[in-house]
């Protein structure tokens, strides 16, 4: 019986608290809260900022890409502005005349210092040790480069390394050039007007009068 009384008392107390919060919210003045969110120092708009009304069930809104927002709130509500790369800012809506209020919200950009990193041209510390220990082998780097660029070394690489697209295109262009050149040569030899001997015979025929028409006899 005692437990039932305690449960009933808690239920009544919760109902009273809910009614009290509702009544308090209704007593607060409702206004249209608008504003523009910019960055401190540059006055550039901060877009897509998350806006949370912590005084009214954490009601959440999102600013547009130009940092503009507008929603209905109550006088005295605490509004929280948060965005990636900026410090969280809070703003309390003041009591003003009328049912509209426009605010200018400033957000400070976060400056995050990353730890210093030293890059190395080796994949691991073991590779570095191997390369460092190989420095005293007595080989001349110029002689090594000449040996790697020798005709024998390049020929060996050409046998195992596939051709690139540029090499294939150059080879195809060279082949087409040779084919066109051979075709033109064959046309020059097959065309009788391009044969100097045929021109010699043609000129002699003109001199002999082989092409003169005979005069009609009446």
N, C-alpha and C. Protein backbone atom coordinates (compact mmCIF):
# COMPACT_ATOMS: atom_id res chain seq x y z
N UNK A 1 0.83 -1.20 0.00
CA UNK A 1 0.00 0.00 0.00
C UNK A 1 0.87 1.25 0.00
N UNK A 2 1.96 1.16 0.76
CA UNK A 2 2.87 2.31 0.81
C UNK A 2 3.52 2.55 -0.55
N UNK A 3 3.92 1.49 -1.26
CA UNK A 3 4.54 1.62 -2.58
C UNK A 3 3.57 2.22 -3.59
N UNK A 4 2.30 1.84 -3.50
CA UNK A 4 1.31 2.41 -4.42
C UNK A 4 1.15 3.90 -4.18
N UNK A 5 1.19 4.32 -2.92
CA UNK A 5 1.06 5.74 -2.61
C UNK A 5 2.25 6.52 -3.15
N UNK A 6 3.46 5.95 -3.01
CA UNK A 6 4.65 6.63 -3.53
C UNK A 6 4.58 6.75 -5.05
N UNK A 7 4.16 5.69 -5.73
CA UNK A 7 4.05 5.72 -7.20
C UNK A 7 3.03 6.75 -7.63
N UNK A 8 1.89 6.81 -6.95
CA UNK A 8 0.86 7.79 -7.30
C UNK A 8 1.38 9.20 -7.08
N UNK A 9 2.15 9.40 -6.03
CA UNK A 9 2.70 10.73 -5.74
C UNK A 9 3.69 11.16 -6.82
N UNK A 10 4.53 10.24 -7.29
CA UNK A 10 5.51 10.56 -8.34
C UNK A 10 4.81 10.89 -9.65
N UNK A 11 3.74 10.15 -9.95
CA UNK A 11 3.01 10.42 -11.20
C UNK A 11 2.38 11.80 -11.15
N UNK A 12 1.78 12.14 -10.02
CA UNK A 12 1.15 13.45 -9.88
C UNK A 12 2.19 14.56 -9.95
N UNK A 13 3.35 14.31 -9.31
CA UNK A 13 4.40 15.32 -9.33
C UNK A 13 4.94 15.54 -10.74
N UNK A 14 5.11 14.45 -11.51
CA UNK A 14 5.57 14.59 -12.89
C UNK A 14 4.57 15.35 -13.75
N UNK A 15 3.30 15.05 -13.54
CA UNK A 15 2.26 15.76 -14.31
C UNK A 15 2.26 17.24 -13.97
N UNK A 16 2.48 17.54 -12.72
CA UNK A 16 2.52 18.95 -12.32
C UNK A 16 3.70 19.67 -12.93
N UNK A 17 4.85 18.98 -12.96
CA UNK A 17 6.03 19.61 -13.56
C UNK A 17 5.84 19.86 -15.05
N UNK A 18 5.23 18.90 -15.73
CA UNK A 18 4.99 19.07 -17.17
C UNK A 18 4.03 20.24 -17.40
N UNK A 19 2.98 20.30 -16.61
CA UNK A 19 2.02 21.38 -16.77
C UNK A 19 2.66 22.73 -16.45
N UNK A 20 3.58 22.72 -15.45
CA UNK A 20 4.24 23.97 -15.08
C UNK A 20 5.18 24.44 -16.20
N UNK A 21 5.90 23.48 -16.81
CA UNK A 21 6.79 23.86 -17.92
C UNK A 21 6.00 24.35 -19.12
N UNK A 22 4.86 23.69 -19.38
CA UNK A 22 4.02 24.13 -20.50
C UNK A 22 3.47 25.52 -20.23
N UNK A 23 3.04 25.72 -19.00
CA UNK A 23 2.48 27.04 -18.67
C UNK A 23 3.54 28.11 -18.73
N UNK A 24 4.79 27.76 -18.32
CA UNK A 24 5.87 28.74 -18.39
C UNK A 24 6.21 29.08 -19.83
N UNK A 25 6.21 28.04 -20.67
CA UNK A 25 6.51 28.28 -22.08
C UNK A 25 5.43 29.13 -22.72
N UNK A 26 4.18 28.89 -22.29
CA UNK A 26 3.11 29.68 -22.88
C UNK A 26 3.17 31.13 -22.39
N UNK A 27 3.67 31.33 -21.18
CA UNK A 27 3.76 32.69 -20.67
C UNK A 27 4.85 33.49 -21.36
N UNK A 28 5.89 32.81 -21.89
CA UNK A 28 6.98 33.50 -22.57
C UNK A 28 6.48 34.10 -23.88
N UNK A 29 7.08 35.21 -24.24
CA UNK A 29 6.70 35.89 -25.47
C UNK A 29 7.30 35.16 -26.68
N UNK A 30 6.50 34.92 -27.70
CA UNK A 30 6.95 34.23 -28.91
C UNK A 30 7.33 35.28 -29.95
N UNK A 31 8.52 35.10 -30.54
CA UNK A 31 9.00 36.03 -31.56
C UNK A 31 9.60 35.23 -32.71
N UNK A 32 9.74 35.91 -33.84
CA UNK A 32 10.43 35.36 -35.01
C UNK A 32 11.91 35.73 -34.90
N UNK A 33 12.74 34.73 -34.62
CA UNK A 33 14.17 34.96 -34.40
C UNK A 33 14.91 34.68 -35.70
N UNK A 34 15.58 35.69 -36.26
CA UNK A 34 16.33 35.58 -37.51
C UNK A 34 17.73 36.14 -37.30
N UNK A 35 18.61 35.86 -38.26
CA UNK A 35 19.95 36.41 -38.14
C UNK A 35 20.88 35.88 -39.22
N UNK A 36 22.10 36.41 -39.17
CA UNK A 36 23.15 36.04 -40.12
C UNK A 36 24.38 35.64 -39.33
N UNK A 37 24.96 34.50 -39.68
CA UNK A 37 26.13 33.97 -38.97
C UNK A 37 27.37 34.26 -39.82
N UNK A 38 28.34 34.95 -39.23
CA UNK A 38 29.58 35.29 -39.93
C UNK A 38 30.77 34.88 -39.07
N UNK A 39 31.94 34.90 -39.70
CA UNK A 39 33.18 34.54 -39.02
C UNK A 39 33.86 35.79 -38.48
N UNK A 40 34.43 35.67 -37.28
CA UNK A 40 35.12 36.80 -36.66
C UNK A 40 36.42 37.08 -37.41
N UNK A 41 36.64 38.34 -37.77
CA UNK A 41 37.87 38.74 -38.44
C UNK A 41 37.73 38.86 -39.94
N UNK A 42 36.93 38.01 -40.55
CA UNK A 42 36.78 38.06 -42.01
C UNK A 42 35.39 38.50 -42.45
N UNK A 43 34.42 38.40 -41.56
CA UNK A 43 33.02 38.75 -41.86
C UNK A 43 32.47 37.92 -43.02
N UNK A 44 33.04 36.75 -43.24
CA UNK A 44 32.51 35.85 -44.27
C UNK A 44 31.39 35.00 -43.67
N UNK A 45 30.34 34.71 -44.44
CA UNK A 45 29.24 33.90 -43.89
C UNK A 45 29.69 32.48 -43.61
N UNK A 46 29.15 31.93 -42.53
CA UNK A 46 29.40 30.54 -42.14
C UNK A 46 28.14 29.76 -42.45
N UNK A 47 28.22 28.89 -43.44
CA UNK A 47 27.05 28.17 -43.90
C UNK A 47 26.82 26.85 -43.18
N UNK A 48 25.55 26.43 -43.18
CA UNK A 48 25.12 25.12 -42.67
C UNK A 48 25.51 24.93 -41.20
N UNK A 49 25.29 25.96 -40.41
CA UNK A 49 25.55 25.89 -38.97
C UNK A 49 24.36 25.20 -38.28
N UNK A 50 24.67 24.32 -37.33
CA UNK A 50 23.63 23.65 -36.55
C UNK A 50 23.19 24.57 -35.41
N UNK A 51 21.88 24.87 -35.36
CA UNK A 51 21.31 25.79 -34.37
C UNK A 51 20.39 24.98 -33.46
N UNK A 52 20.66 25.03 -32.16
CA UNK A 52 19.89 24.24 -31.20
C UNK A 52 19.32 25.16 -30.13
N UNK A 53 18.01 25.03 -29.91
CA UNK A 53 17.34 25.77 -28.85
C UNK A 53 17.37 24.92 -27.59
N UNK A 54 18.37 25.16 -26.73
CA UNK A 54 18.55 24.35 -25.53
C UNK A 54 17.48 24.59 -24.48
N UNK A 55 16.71 25.67 -24.61
CA UNK A 55 15.66 25.97 -23.64
C UNK A 55 14.30 25.41 -24.03
N UNK A 56 14.21 24.83 -25.22
CA UNK A 56 12.91 24.34 -25.70
C UNK A 56 13.11 22.99 -26.39
N UNK A 57 13.30 21.95 -25.57
CA UNK A 57 13.39 20.56 -26.03
C UNK A 57 14.50 20.32 -27.06
N UNK A 58 15.56 21.14 -26.99
CA UNK A 58 16.69 21.01 -27.93
C UNK A 58 16.22 21.01 -29.39
N UNK A 59 15.28 21.87 -29.68
CA UNK A 59 14.79 21.99 -31.05
C UNK A 59 15.93 22.46 -31.95
N UNK A 60 16.13 21.76 -33.06
CA UNK A 60 17.32 21.97 -33.91
C UNK A 60 16.92 22.53 -35.26
N UNK A 61 17.74 23.47 -35.75
CA UNK A 61 17.56 24.06 -37.08
C UNK A 61 18.92 24.10 -37.77
N UNK A 62 18.91 24.36 -39.06
CA UNK A 62 20.13 24.44 -39.87
C UNK A 62 20.12 25.74 -40.66
N UNK A 63 21.22 26.48 -40.59
CA UNK A 63 21.34 27.69 -41.41
C UNK A 63 21.61 27.31 -42.86
N UNK A 64 21.29 28.22 -43.78
CA UNK A 64 21.52 27.92 -45.19
C UNK A 64 23.00 28.14 -45.54
N UNK A 65 23.31 28.01 -46.82
CA UNK A 65 24.71 28.12 -47.25
C UNK A 65 25.29 29.53 -47.09
N UNK A 66 24.43 30.53 -46.96
CA UNK A 66 24.89 31.90 -46.76
C UNK A 66 24.87 32.32 -45.29
N UNK A 67 24.62 31.37 -44.38
CA UNK A 67 24.63 31.66 -42.96
C UNK A 67 23.37 32.30 -42.42
N UNK A 68 22.30 32.32 -43.19
CA UNK A 68 21.05 32.94 -42.75
C UNK A 68 20.15 31.89 -42.10
N UNK A 69 19.42 32.30 -41.06
CA UNK A 69 18.49 31.41 -40.36
C UNK A 69 17.28 32.22 -39.92
N UNK A 70 16.17 31.52 -39.68
CA UNK A 70 14.95 32.16 -39.20
C UNK A 70 14.02 31.08 -38.66
N UNK A 71 13.60 31.22 -37.43
CA UNK A 71 12.67 30.27 -36.82
C UNK A 71 11.96 30.96 -35.66
N UNK A 72 10.94 30.29 -35.13
CA UNK A 72 10.13 30.82 -34.04
C UNK A 72 10.72 30.35 -32.72
N UNK A 73 10.90 31.28 -31.77
CA UNK A 73 11.44 30.96 -30.44
C UNK A 73 10.77 31.86 -29.41
N UNK A 74 11.20 31.70 -28.15
CA UNK A 74 10.64 32.47 -27.05
C UNK A 74 11.69 33.44 -26.51
N UNK A 75 11.23 34.49 -25.90
CA UNK A 75 12.13 35.43 -25.25
C UNK A 75 12.81 34.74 -24.07
N UNK A 76 14.12 34.87 -23.98
CA UNK A 76 14.88 34.23 -22.91
C UNK A 76 15.42 32.87 -23.28
N UNK A 77 15.08 32.31 -24.46
CA UNK A 77 15.62 31.02 -24.86
C UNK A 77 17.12 31.14 -25.14
N UNK A 78 17.85 30.10 -24.77
CA UNK A 78 19.29 30.04 -25.02
C UNK A 78 19.52 29.25 -26.30
N UNK A 79 20.11 29.90 -27.30
CA UNK A 79 20.33 29.29 -28.61
C UNK A 79 21.82 28.95 -28.74
N UNK A 80 22.10 27.74 -29.19
CA UNK A 80 23.48 27.27 -29.33
C UNK A 80 23.80 27.11 -30.82
N UNK A 81 24.92 27.68 -31.23
CA UNK A 81 25.38 27.60 -32.62
C UNK A 81 26.67 26.77 -32.65
N UNK A 82 26.69 25.74 -33.49
CA UNK A 82 27.86 24.86 -33.58
C UNK A 82 28.11 24.49 -35.03
N UNK A 83 29.39 24.41 -35.38
CA UNK A 83 29.79 24.03 -36.73
C UNK A 83 31.21 23.48 -36.66
N UNK A 84 31.54 22.62 -37.61
CA UNK A 84 32.87 22.02 -37.65
C UNK A 84 33.90 23.08 -38.00
N UNK A 85 34.95 23.18 -37.18
CA UNK A 85 35.99 24.16 -37.42
C UNK A 85 35.76 25.49 -36.74
N UNK A 86 34.69 25.60 -35.94
CA UNK A 86 34.37 26.85 -35.24
C UNK A 86 34.03 26.53 -33.78
N UNK A 87 34.28 27.52 -32.91
CA UNK A 87 33.92 27.38 -31.52
C UNK A 87 32.40 27.49 -31.35
N UNK A 88 31.86 26.69 -30.42
CA UNK A 88 30.43 26.73 -30.16
C UNK A 88 30.06 28.06 -29.49
N UNK A 89 29.02 28.70 -29.99
CA UNK A 89 28.59 30.01 -29.50
C UNK A 89 27.15 29.92 -29.01
N UNK A 90 26.87 30.57 -27.90
CA UNK A 90 25.51 30.62 -27.36
C UNK A 90 25.00 32.06 -27.38
N UNK A 91 23.69 32.16 -27.53
CA UNK A 91 23.06 33.48 -27.60
C UNK A 91 21.70 33.39 -26.91
N UNK A 92 21.41 34.37 -26.06
CA UNK A 92 20.13 34.44 -25.34
C UNK A 92 19.24 35.48 -26.00
N UNK A 93 18.05 35.08 -26.37
CA UNK A 93 17.14 35.99 -27.06
C UNK A 93 16.63 37.03 -26.07
N UNK A 94 16.85 38.30 -26.34
CA UNK A 94 16.41 39.34 -25.40
C UNK A 94 14.93 39.67 -25.58
N UNK A 95 14.41 40.41 -24.62
CA UNK A 95 13.03 40.86 -24.68
C UNK A 95 12.99 42.19 -25.45
N UNK A 96 12.36 42.18 -26.59
CA UNK A 96 12.32 43.36 -27.45
C UNK A 96 10.85 43.68 -27.76
N UNK A 97 10.66 44.88 -28.25
CA UNK A 97 9.32 45.27 -28.68
C UNK A 97 9.00 44.62 -30.02
N UNK A 98 7.76 44.26 -30.20
CA UNK A 98 7.38 43.61 -31.42
C UNK A 98 7.55 42.11 -31.33
N UNK A 99 7.29 41.43 -32.43
CA UNK A 99 7.35 39.97 -32.46
C UNK A 99 8.45 39.46 -33.38
N UNK A 100 9.43 40.34 -33.70
CA UNK A 100 10.54 39.93 -34.56
C UNK A 100 11.83 40.45 -33.98
N UNK A 101 12.90 39.63 -34.15
CA UNK A 101 14.22 40.06 -33.69
C UNK A 101 15.27 39.48 -34.64
N UNK A 102 16.20 40.34 -35.06
CA UNK A 102 17.27 39.93 -35.98
C UNK A 102 18.61 40.13 -35.27
N UNK A 103 19.43 39.10 -35.29
CA UNK A 103 20.71 39.14 -34.59
C UNK A 103 21.85 38.87 -35.57
N UNK A 104 23.01 39.37 -35.21
CA UNK A 104 24.24 39.12 -35.97
C UNK A 104 25.13 38.21 -35.11
N UNK A 105 25.28 36.97 -35.52
CA UNK A 105 26.00 35.97 -34.74
C UNK A 105 27.43 35.87 -35.28
N UNK A 106 28.40 36.00 -34.39
CA UNK A 106 29.81 35.89 -34.75
C UNK A 106 30.37 34.58 -34.19
N UNK A 107 31.08 33.83 -35.05
CA UNK A 107 31.70 32.57 -34.65
C UNK A 107 33.20 32.65 -34.91
N UNK A 108 33.95 32.14 -33.95
CA UNK A 108 35.41 32.18 -34.04
C UNK A 108 35.93 30.85 -34.62
N UNK A 109 36.78 30.98 -35.65
CA UNK A 109 37.36 29.79 -36.28
C UNK A 109 38.40 29.16 -35.37
N UNK A 110 38.43 27.85 -35.36
CA UNK A 110 39.39 27.11 -34.55
C UNK A 110 40.71 26.99 -35.30
N UNK A 111 41.80 27.22 -34.60
CA UNK A 111 43.14 27.05 -35.15
C UNK A 111 43.75 25.83 -34.47
N UNK A 112 43.90 24.76 -35.24
CA UNK A 112 44.40 23.50 -34.70
C UNK A 112 45.82 23.29 -35.21
N UNK A 113 46.76 23.19 -34.30
CA UNK A 113 48.15 22.95 -34.66
C UNK A 113 48.43 21.45 -34.63
N UNK A 114 48.85 20.94 -35.77
CA UNK A 114 49.19 19.52 -35.88
C UNK A 114 50.62 19.29 -35.44
N UNK A 115 50.91 18.12 -34.92
CA UNK A 115 52.30 17.84 -34.53
C UNK A 115 53.22 17.81 -35.74
N UNK A 116 54.47 18.17 -35.51
CA UNK A 116 55.45 18.22 -36.60
C UNK A 116 55.72 16.82 -37.13
N UNK A 117 55.84 16.74 -38.46
CA UNK A 117 56.10 15.47 -39.14
C UNK A 117 57.32 15.65 -40.02
N UNK A 118 58.26 14.71 -39.92
CA UNK A 118 59.47 14.74 -40.74
C UNK A 118 59.36 13.65 -41.81
N UNK A 119 59.21 14.02 -43.08
CA UNK A 119 59.08 13.01 -44.14
C UNK A 119 60.43 12.41 -44.48
N UNK A 120 60.42 11.14 -44.84
CA UNK A 120 61.62 10.42 -45.26
C UNK A 120 61.34 9.77 -46.62
N UNK A 121 62.35 9.69 -47.48
CA UNK A 121 62.16 9.06 -48.79
C UNK A 121 62.24 7.55 -48.76
N UNK A 122 62.14 6.94 -47.58
CA UNK A 122 62.20 5.48 -47.47
C UNK A 122 60.90 4.97 -46.87
N UNK A 123 60.54 3.77 -47.24
CA UNK A 123 59.27 3.21 -46.78
C UNK A 123 59.31 2.82 -45.30
N UNK A 124 60.46 2.46 -44.79
CA UNK A 124 60.59 2.04 -43.40
C UNK A 124 61.98 2.37 -42.90
N UNK A 125 62.17 2.22 -41.60
CA UNK A 125 63.48 2.49 -41.00
C UNK A 125 64.50 1.46 -41.46
N UNK A 126 64.06 0.23 -41.70
CA UNK A 126 64.98 -0.81 -42.17
C UNK A 126 65.51 -0.47 -43.56
N UNK A 127 64.66 0.07 -44.44
CA UNK A 127 65.12 0.47 -45.77
C UNK A 127 66.13 1.61 -45.68
N UNK A 128 65.89 2.51 -44.73
CA UNK A 128 66.84 3.61 -44.55
C UNK A 128 68.21 3.09 -44.10
N UNK A 129 68.21 2.15 -43.16
CA UNK A 129 69.48 1.59 -42.69
C UNK A 129 70.21 0.87 -43.82
N UNK A 130 69.44 0.12 -44.64
CA UNK A 130 70.07 -0.59 -45.75
C UNK A 130 70.68 0.37 -46.77
N UNK A 131 69.96 1.46 -47.08
CA UNK A 131 70.49 2.43 -48.02
C UNK A 131 71.69 3.18 -47.43
N UNK A 132 71.63 3.45 -46.13
CA UNK A 132 72.75 4.15 -45.50
C UNK A 132 74.00 3.28 -45.45
N UNK A 133 73.82 2.00 -45.18
CA UNK A 133 74.97 1.10 -45.13
C UNK A 133 75.54 0.84 -46.51
N UNK A 134 74.74 1.02 -47.55
CA UNK A 134 75.21 0.77 -48.92
C UNK A 134 75.92 1.96 -49.51
N UNK A 135 76.03 3.09 -48.77
CA UNK A 135 76.70 4.26 -49.31
C UNK A 135 78.20 4.05 -49.44
N UNK A 136 78.79 3.19 -48.60
CA UNK A 136 80.23 3.01 -48.62
C UNK A 136 80.69 1.80 -49.41
N UNK A 137 79.94 1.41 -50.45
CA UNK A 137 80.34 0.25 -51.24
C UNK A 137 81.38 0.58 -52.30
N UNK A 138 81.77 1.85 -52.43
CA UNK A 138 82.82 2.22 -53.35
C UNK A 138 82.39 2.39 -54.79
N UNK A 139 81.09 2.27 -55.12
CA UNK A 139 80.63 2.42 -56.50
C UNK A 139 80.47 3.90 -56.84
N UNK A 140 80.87 4.23 -58.06
CA UNK A 140 80.73 5.59 -58.55
C UNK A 140 79.31 5.76 -59.11
N UNK A 141 78.53 6.73 -58.65
CA UNK A 141 77.16 6.87 -59.17
C UNK A 141 77.13 7.22 -60.66
N UNK A 142 78.13 7.95 -61.14
CA UNK A 142 78.16 8.29 -62.57
C UNK A 142 78.41 7.04 -63.40
N UNK A 143 79.34 6.19 -62.92
CA UNK A 143 79.60 4.94 -63.64
C UNK A 143 78.38 4.03 -63.62
N UNK A 144 77.65 4.02 -62.50
CA UNK A 144 76.43 3.21 -62.42
C UNK A 144 75.37 3.71 -63.39
N UNK A 145 75.24 5.04 -63.50
CA UNK A 145 74.27 5.60 -64.44
C UNK A 145 74.65 5.28 -65.88
N UNK A 146 75.95 5.38 -66.21
CA UNK A 146 76.38 5.03 -67.57
C UNK A 146 76.14 3.56 -67.87
N UNK A 147 76.35 2.70 -66.89
CA UNK A 147 76.13 1.27 -67.11
C UNK A 147 74.65 0.98 -67.31
N UNK A 148 73.79 1.68 -66.57
CA UNK A 148 72.35 1.46 -66.73
C UNK A 148 71.81 2.02 -68.04
N UNK A 149 72.51 3.02 -68.61
CA UNK A 149 72.07 3.63 -69.87
C UNK A 149 72.85 3.11 -71.07
N UNK A 150 73.59 2.05 -70.91
CA UNK A 150 74.34 1.50 -72.02
C UNK A 150 73.38 0.86 -73.04
N UNK A 151 73.80 0.74 -74.30
CA UNK A 151 72.92 0.11 -75.31
C UNK A 151 72.51 -1.30 -74.94
N UNK A 152 73.41 -2.05 -74.31
CA UNK A 152 73.07 -3.43 -73.93
C UNK A 152 71.96 -3.44 -72.87
N UNK A 153 72.10 -2.52 -71.84
CA UNK A 153 71.08 -2.47 -70.79
C UNK A 153 69.74 -2.00 -71.33
N UNK A 154 69.76 -1.00 -72.23
CA UNK A 154 68.51 -0.51 -72.81
C UNK A 154 67.86 -1.56 -73.69
N UNK A 155 68.69 -2.34 -74.45
CA UNK A 155 68.13 -3.41 -75.28
C UNK A 155 67.51 -4.50 -74.43
N UNK A 156 68.16 -4.81 -73.30
CA UNK A 156 67.59 -5.82 -72.40
C UNK A 156 66.27 -5.35 -71.80
N UNK A 157 66.19 -4.07 -71.44
CA UNK A 157 64.93 -3.53 -70.92
C UNK A 157 63.85 -3.48 -71.99
N UNK A 158 64.26 -3.20 -73.23
CA UNK A 158 63.27 -3.13 -74.32
C UNK A 158 62.62 -4.48 -74.59
N UNK A 159 63.35 -5.57 -74.29
CA UNK A 159 62.80 -6.90 -74.53
C UNK A 159 61.77 -7.31 -73.48
N UNK A 160 61.85 -6.74 -72.30
CA UNK A 160 60.95 -7.17 -71.22
C UNK A 160 59.92 -6.11 -70.85
N UNK A 161 60.21 -4.84 -71.14
CA UNK A 161 59.27 -3.76 -70.78
C UNK A 161 58.28 -3.55 -71.92
N UNK A 162 56.98 -3.61 -71.66
CA UNK A 162 56.00 -3.40 -72.74
C UNK A 162 56.03 -1.96 -73.24
N UNK A 163 55.62 -1.81 -74.50
CA UNK A 163 55.60 -0.48 -75.10
C UNK A 163 54.45 0.34 -74.53
N UNK A 164 54.69 1.63 -74.44
CA UNK A 164 53.66 2.54 -73.97
C UNK A 164 52.72 2.91 -75.12
N UNK A 165 51.66 3.60 -74.78
CA UNK A 165 50.69 4.02 -75.80
C UNK A 165 51.32 5.01 -76.78
N UNK A 166 52.20 5.85 -76.31
CA UNK A 166 52.86 6.82 -77.20
C UNK A 166 53.77 6.11 -78.20
N UNK A 167 54.48 5.08 -77.74
CA UNK A 167 55.35 4.34 -78.66
C UNK A 167 54.53 3.59 -79.70
N UNK A 168 53.41 3.01 -79.27
CA UNK A 168 52.55 2.29 -80.22
C UNK A 168 51.98 3.25 -81.26
N UNK A 169 51.56 4.43 -80.84
CA UNK A 169 51.02 5.42 -81.78
C UNK A 169 52.09 5.90 -82.75
N UNK A 170 53.31 6.10 -82.27
CA UNK A 170 54.40 6.53 -83.15
C UNK A 170 54.73 5.44 -84.17
N UNK A 171 54.75 4.19 -83.74
CA UNK A 171 55.04 3.09 -84.66
C UNK A 171 53.95 2.96 -85.72
N UNK A 172 52.68 3.11 -85.31
CA UNK A 172 51.59 3.02 -86.28
C UNK A 172 51.65 4.17 -87.29
N UNK A 173 51.99 5.36 -86.82
CA UNK A 173 52.11 6.49 -87.74
C UNK A 173 53.25 6.27 -88.74
N UNK A 174 54.36 5.71 -88.27
CA UNK A 174 55.48 5.44 -89.17
C UNK A 174 55.12 4.37 -90.20
N UNK A 175 54.37 3.37 -89.77
CA UNK A 175 53.94 2.33 -90.71
C UNK A 175 53.01 2.89 -91.77
N UNK A 176 52.08 3.75 -91.36
CA UNK A 176 51.17 4.36 -92.35
C UNK A 176 51.94 5.24 -93.33
N UNK A 177 52.96 5.93 -92.84
CA UNK A 177 53.77 6.76 -93.73
C UNK A 177 54.49 5.90 -94.77
N UNK A 178 55.07 4.79 -94.34
CA UNK A 178 55.75 3.89 -95.29
C UNK A 178 54.78 3.31 -96.30
N UNK A 179 53.59 2.92 -95.85
CA UNK A 179 52.61 2.35 -96.78
C UNK A 179 52.17 3.37 -97.83
N UNK A 180 51.94 4.61 -97.41
CA UNK A 180 51.55 5.64 -98.37
C UNK A 180 52.68 5.95 -99.34
N UNK A 181 53.92 5.95 -98.85
CA UNK A 181 55.05 6.23 -99.72
C UNK A 181 55.22 5.12 -100.75
N UNK A 182 55.09 3.87 -100.36
CA UNK A 182 55.20 2.76 -101.30
C UNK A 182 54.08 2.78 -102.32
N UNK A 183 52.90 3.16 -101.91
CA UNK A 183 51.79 3.21 -102.85
C UNK A 183 52.00 4.29 -103.91
N UNK A 184 52.50 5.44 -103.49
CA UNK A 184 52.77 6.50 -104.44
C UNK A 184 53.88 6.12 -105.40
N UNK A 185 54.88 5.41 -104.89
CA UNK A 185 55.96 4.96 -105.79
C UNK A 185 55.44 4.00 -106.84
N UNK A 186 54.59 3.07 -106.42
CA UNK A 186 54.01 2.12 -107.36
C UNK A 186 53.12 2.83 -108.39
N UNK A 187 52.39 3.85 -107.97
CA UNK A 187 51.57 4.59 -108.93
C UNK A 187 52.43 5.33 -109.93
N UNK A 188 53.57 5.85 -109.47
CA UNK A 188 54.44 6.56 -110.41
C UNK A 188 55.00 5.61 -111.46
N UNK A 189 55.31 4.39 -111.10
CA UNK A 189 55.86 3.43 -112.06
C UNK A 189 54.79 2.86 -112.98
N UNK A 190 53.54 2.78 -112.50
CA UNK A 190 52.48 2.22 -113.34
C UNK A 190 51.82 3.26 -114.23
N UNK A 191 51.96 4.53 -113.95
CA UNK A 191 51.35 5.57 -114.75
C UNK A 191 52.24 5.86 -115.95
N UNK A 192 51.77 5.69 -117.19
CA UNK A 192 52.63 5.91 -118.37
C UNK A 192 53.05 7.36 -118.55
N UNK A 193 52.27 8.31 -118.05
CA UNK A 193 52.64 9.71 -118.21
C UNK A 193 53.81 10.11 -117.31
N UNK A 194 54.12 9.27 -116.33
CA UNK A 194 55.25 9.54 -115.46
C UNK A 194 56.51 8.78 -115.88
N UNK A 195 56.41 8.06 -117.01
CA UNK A 195 57.56 7.30 -117.51
C UNK A 195 58.32 8.14 -118.55
N UNK A 196 59.59 8.48 -118.31
CA UNK A 196 60.34 9.32 -119.27
C UNK A 196 60.50 8.66 -120.64
N UNK A 197 60.56 7.34 -120.71
CA UNK A 197 60.71 6.65 -122.01
C UNK A 197 59.43 6.81 -122.84
N UNK A 198 58.30 6.75 -122.19
CA UNK A 198 57.05 6.96 -122.92
C UNK A 198 56.97 8.38 -123.47
N UNK A 199 57.45 9.36 -122.73
CA UNK A 199 57.45 10.73 -123.23
C UNK A 199 58.40 10.86 -124.43
N UNK A 200 59.52 10.15 -124.42
CA UNK A 200 60.47 10.19 -125.55
C UNK A 200 59.82 9.63 -126.81
N UNK A 201 59.14 8.50 -126.67
CA UNK A 201 58.47 7.92 -127.83
C UNK A 201 57.33 8.82 -128.32
N UNK A 202 56.63 9.47 -127.40
CA UNK A 202 55.52 10.33 -127.78
C UNK A 202 56.02 11.55 -128.56
N UNK A 203 57.12 12.15 -128.16
CA UNK A 203 57.68 13.31 -128.86
C UNK A 203 58.17 12.91 -130.25
N UNK A 204 58.82 11.76 -130.38
CA UNK A 204 59.27 11.29 -131.71
C UNK A 204 58.09 11.03 -132.64
N UNK A 205 56.99 10.51 -132.07
CA UNK A 205 55.81 10.26 -132.91
C UNK A 205 55.24 11.57 -133.44
N UNK A 206 55.27 12.63 -132.61
CA UNK A 206 54.79 13.94 -133.08
C UNK A 206 55.69 14.48 -134.18
N UNK A 207 57.00 14.30 -134.00
CA UNK A 207 57.92 14.79 -135.04
C UNK A 207 57.74 14.04 -136.35
N UNK A 208 57.48 12.77 -136.29
CA UNK A 208 57.29 12.01 -137.52
C UNK A 208 55.94 12.29 -138.15
N UNK A 209 55.05 12.90 -137.44
CA UNK A 209 53.73 13.19 -137.98
C UNK A 209 52.79 12.02 -137.91
N UNK A 210 53.01 11.14 -136.94
CA UNK A 210 52.13 9.98 -136.84
C UNK A 210 50.70 10.37 -136.49
N UNK A 211 50.54 11.53 -135.91
CA UNK A 211 49.21 11.94 -135.47
C UNK A 211 48.56 12.96 -136.41
N UNK A 212 49.23 13.25 -137.55
CA UNK A 212 48.64 14.18 -138.52
C UNK A 212 47.49 13.51 -139.27
N UNK A 213 46.42 14.25 -139.48
CA UNK A 213 45.30 13.71 -140.22
C UNK A 213 45.57 13.82 -141.73
N UNK A 214 45.22 12.80 -142.47
CA UNK A 214 45.39 12.87 -143.94
C UNK A 214 44.33 13.77 -144.55
N UNK A 215 44.79 14.61 -145.52
CA UNK A 215 43.84 15.51 -146.19
C UNK A 215 42.93 14.74 -147.10
N UNK A 216 41.66 15.06 -147.11
CA UNK A 216 40.72 14.34 -148.00
C UNK A 216 41.01 14.62 -149.48
N UNK A 217 40.92 13.62 -150.28
CA UNK A 217 41.15 13.72 -151.72
C UNK A 217 39.82 13.84 -152.43
N UNK A 218 39.72 14.91 -153.26
CA UNK A 218 38.47 15.13 -154.03
C UNK A 218 38.75 14.89 -155.51
